[in-house]
Amino acid sequence: MSGLSYEQAREELVSVVQRLESGGAPLAESLALWERGERLAAICQQWLDGAKAKVEAARNQDAD
């Protein structure tokens, strides 16, 4: 992953979304924020997918 924890990525993503929603940034900055938000969302999704896989593995182990 990127070295960010899920919580760090989520917190930064919330901040990016708030800045974009405020609408005060110039176009170039808005595009950069959007791209950063996409990367942060992907990081969060990787963490969630990994956690889901661990839970499923534990459930399968318990079922055996």
N, C-alpha and C. Protein backbone atom coordinates (compact mmCIF):
# COMPACT_ATOMS: atom_id res chain seq x y z
N MET A 1 0.84 -1.18 0.00
CA MET A 1 0.00 0.00 0.00
C MET A 1 0.88 1.25 0.00
N SER A 2 0.34 2.35 0.36
CA SER A 2 1.05 3.61 0.22
C SER A 2 1.81 4.01 1.48
N GLY A 3 1.72 3.25 2.54
CA GLY A 3 2.32 3.65 3.80
C GLY A 3 1.34 4.38 4.70
N LEU A 4 0.17 4.72 4.18
CA LEU A 4 -0.87 5.36 4.99
C LEU A 4 -1.74 4.29 5.64
N SER A 5 -2.11 4.52 6.87
CA SER A 5 -3.09 3.64 7.49
C SER A 5 -4.46 3.96 6.90
N TYR A 6 -5.40 3.06 7.15
CA TYR A 6 -6.77 3.31 6.68
C TYR A 6 -7.29 4.63 7.25
N GLU A 7 -7.05 4.84 8.53
CA GLU A 7 -7.55 6.03 9.20
C GLU A 7 -6.94 7.30 8.63
N GLN A 8 -5.63 7.26 8.34
CA GLN A 8 -4.96 8.43 7.76
C GLN A 8 -5.52 8.73 6.37
N ALA A 9 -5.66 7.69 5.55
CA ALA A 9 -6.18 7.88 4.19
C ALA A 9 -7.61 8.40 4.23
N ARG A 10 -8.42 7.86 5.11
CA ARG A 10 -9.82 8.28 5.22
C ARG A 10 -9.92 9.73 5.67
N GLU A 11 -9.11 10.09 6.66
CA GLU A 11 -9.12 11.46 7.18
C GLU A 11 -8.71 12.46 6.09
N GLU A 12 -7.65 12.12 5.34
CA GLU A 12 -7.23 13.01 4.27
C GLU A 12 -8.28 13.08 3.17
N LEU A 13 -8.91 11.95 2.87
CA LEU A 13 -9.96 11.93 1.85
C LEU A 13 -11.12 12.83 2.25
N VAL A 14 -11.52 12.79 3.50
CA VAL A 14 -12.58 13.67 3.99
C VAL A 14 -12.19 15.13 3.79
N SER A 15 -10.94 15.45 4.09
CA SER A 15 -10.45 16.81 3.92
C SER A 15 -10.48 17.23 2.45
N VAL A 16 -10.05 16.34 1.58
CA VAL A 16 -10.06 16.63 0.14
C VAL A 16 -11.48 16.89 -0.34
N VAL A 17 -12.41 16.05 0.07
CA VAL A 17 -13.81 16.20 -0.34
C VAL A 17 -14.36 17.54 0.15
N GLN A 18 -14.05 17.90 1.38
CA GLN A 18 -14.53 19.18 1.91
C GLN A 18 -13.98 20.35 1.11
N ARG A 19 -12.70 20.27 0.74
CA ARG A 19 -12.11 21.35 -0.05
C ARG A 19 -12.74 21.44 -1.43
N LEU A 20 -13.01 20.28 -2.03
CA LEU A 20 -13.65 20.28 -3.34
C LEU A 20 -15.08 20.82 -3.26
N GLU A 21 -15.79 20.43 -2.22
CA GLU A 21 -17.18 20.87 -2.06
C GLU A 21 -17.28 22.36 -1.78
N SER A 22 -16.24 22.94 -1.20
CA SER A 22 -16.28 24.38 -0.92
C SER A 22 -16.27 25.19 -2.21
N GLY A 23 -15.70 24.62 -3.28
CA GLY A 23 -15.74 25.26 -4.58
C GLY A 23 -14.83 26.46 -4.76
N GLY A 24 -13.95 26.74 -3.83
CA GLY A 24 -13.14 27.94 -3.93
C GLY A 24 -11.80 27.75 -4.62
N ALA A 25 -11.44 26.50 -4.95
CA ALA A 25 -10.12 26.25 -5.53
C ALA A 25 -10.13 26.50 -7.04
N PRO A 26 -9.01 26.97 -7.57
CA PRO A 26 -8.90 27.12 -9.03
C PRO A 26 -8.96 25.74 -9.69
N LEU A 27 -9.21 25.74 -10.99
CA LEU A 27 -9.40 24.49 -11.72
C LEU A 27 -8.22 23.53 -11.57
N ALA A 28 -7.01 24.02 -11.74
CA ALA A 28 -5.83 23.15 -11.65
C ALA A 28 -5.74 22.49 -10.27
N GLU A 29 -6.00 23.27 -9.24
CA GLU A 29 -5.95 22.73 -7.88
C GLU A 29 -7.09 21.74 -7.67
N SER A 30 -8.25 22.03 -8.19
CA SER A 30 -9.39 21.11 -8.07
C SER A 30 -9.10 19.78 -8.73
N LEU A 31 -8.46 19.82 -9.90
CA LEU A 31 -8.09 18.58 -10.59
C LEU A 31 -7.08 17.78 -9.77
N ALA A 32 -6.10 18.47 -9.20
CA ALA A 32 -5.10 17.79 -8.36
C ALA A 32 -5.77 17.19 -7.13
N LEU A 33 -6.69 17.92 -6.53
CA LEU A 33 -7.41 17.39 -5.38
C LEU A 33 -8.23 16.17 -5.76
N TRP A 34 -8.89 16.25 -6.91
CA TRP A 34 -9.70 15.12 -7.38
C TRP A 34 -8.83 13.87 -7.55
N GLU A 35 -7.67 14.05 -8.18
CA GLU A 35 -6.76 12.92 -8.39
C GLU A 35 -6.27 12.35 -7.07
N ARG A 36 -5.94 13.23 -6.13
CA ARG A 36 -5.51 12.76 -4.81
C ARG A 36 -6.64 12.01 -4.12
N GLY A 37 -7.85 12.53 -4.24
CA GLY A 37 -9.00 11.86 -3.66
C GLY A 37 -9.21 10.47 -4.24
N GLU A 38 -9.02 10.33 -5.54
CA GLU A 38 -9.15 9.02 -6.18
C GLU A 38 -8.11 8.05 -5.63
N ARG A 39 -6.87 8.52 -5.47
CA ARG A 39 -5.82 7.66 -4.91
C ARG A 39 -6.13 7.28 -3.46
N LEU A 40 -6.60 8.24 -2.69
CA LEU A 40 -6.94 7.96 -1.30
C LEU A 40 -8.11 6.98 -1.20
N ALA A 41 -9.10 7.13 -2.06
CA ALA A 41 -10.23 6.20 -2.06
C ALA A 41 -9.75 4.79 -2.40
N ALA A 42 -8.81 4.68 -3.32
CA ALA A 42 -8.27 3.36 -3.68
C ALA A 42 -7.51 2.74 -2.51
N ILE A 43 -6.76 3.56 -1.79
CA ILE A 43 -6.05 3.07 -0.60
C ILE A 43 -7.04 2.54 0.43
N CYS A 44 -8.08 3.32 0.69
CA CYS A 44 -9.11 2.89 1.65
C CYS A 44 -9.73 1.58 1.20
N GLN A 45 -10.02 1.46 -0.09
CA GLN A 45 -10.64 0.25 -0.60
C GLN A 45 -9.71 -0.95 -0.45
N GLN A 46 -8.41 -0.76 -0.67
CA GLN A 46 -7.45 -1.84 -0.48
C GLN A 46 -7.45 -2.32 0.97
N TRP A 47 -7.48 -1.38 1.90
CA TRP A 47 -7.53 -1.75 3.32
C TRP A 47 -8.80 -2.54 3.63
N LEU A 48 -9.92 -2.05 3.11
CA LEU A 48 -11.19 -2.73 3.38
C LEU A 48 -11.23 -4.12 2.74
N ASP A 49 -10.71 -4.24 1.52
CA ASP A 49 -10.67 -5.54 0.86
C ASP A 49 -9.79 -6.51 1.64
N GLY A 50 -8.66 -6.01 2.14
CA GLY A 50 -7.77 -6.85 2.94
C GLY A 50 -8.43 -7.31 4.23
N ALA A 51 -9.14 -6.42 4.88
CA ALA A 51 -9.83 -6.78 6.12
C ALA A 51 -10.93 -7.81 5.83
N LYS A 52 -11.64 -7.61 4.74
CA LYS A 52 -12.70 -8.56 4.37
C LYS A 52 -12.12 -9.94 4.10
N ALA A 53 -11.00 -10.00 3.41
CA ALA A 53 -10.36 -11.28 3.11
C ALA A 53 -9.92 -11.97 4.39
N LYS A 54 -9.41 -11.22 5.36
CA LYS A 54 -9.00 -11.81 6.64
C LYS A 54 -10.20 -12.37 7.40
N VAL A 55 -11.30 -11.63 7.39
CA VAL A 55 -12.51 -12.11 8.08
C VAL A 55 -13.03 -13.38 7.41
N GLU A 56 -13.06 -13.38 6.08
CA GLU A 56 -13.53 -14.57 5.37
C GLU A 56 -12.63 -15.77 5.63
N ALA A 57 -11.31 -15.55 5.66
CA ALA A 57 -10.37 -16.63 5.94
C ALA A 57 -10.59 -17.18 7.34
N ALA A 58 -10.82 -16.28 8.31
CA ALA A 58 -11.07 -16.72 9.68
C ALA A 58 -12.36 -17.51 9.77
N ARG A 59 -13.39 -17.07 9.06
CA ARG A 59 -14.66 -17.80 9.05
C ARG A 59 -14.50 -19.19 8.45
N ASN A 60 -13.76 -19.26 7.35
CA ASN A 60 -13.53 -20.55 6.70
C ASN A 60 -12.73 -21.48 7.59
N GLN A 61 -11.78 -20.93 8.34
CA GLN A 61 -10.98 -21.71 9.26
C GLN A 61 -11.85 -22.25 10.39
N ASP A 62 -12.75 -21.41 10.89
CA ASP A 62 -13.65 -21.84 11.96
C ASP A 62 -14.63 -22.90 11.48
N ALA A 63 -15.00 -22.86 10.21
CA ALA A 63 -15.95 -23.81 9.65
C ALA A 63 -15.33 -25.19 9.49
N ASP A 64 -14.00 -25.24 9.37
CA ASP A 64 -13.32 -26.53 9.17
C ASP A 64 -13.23 -27.33 10.41
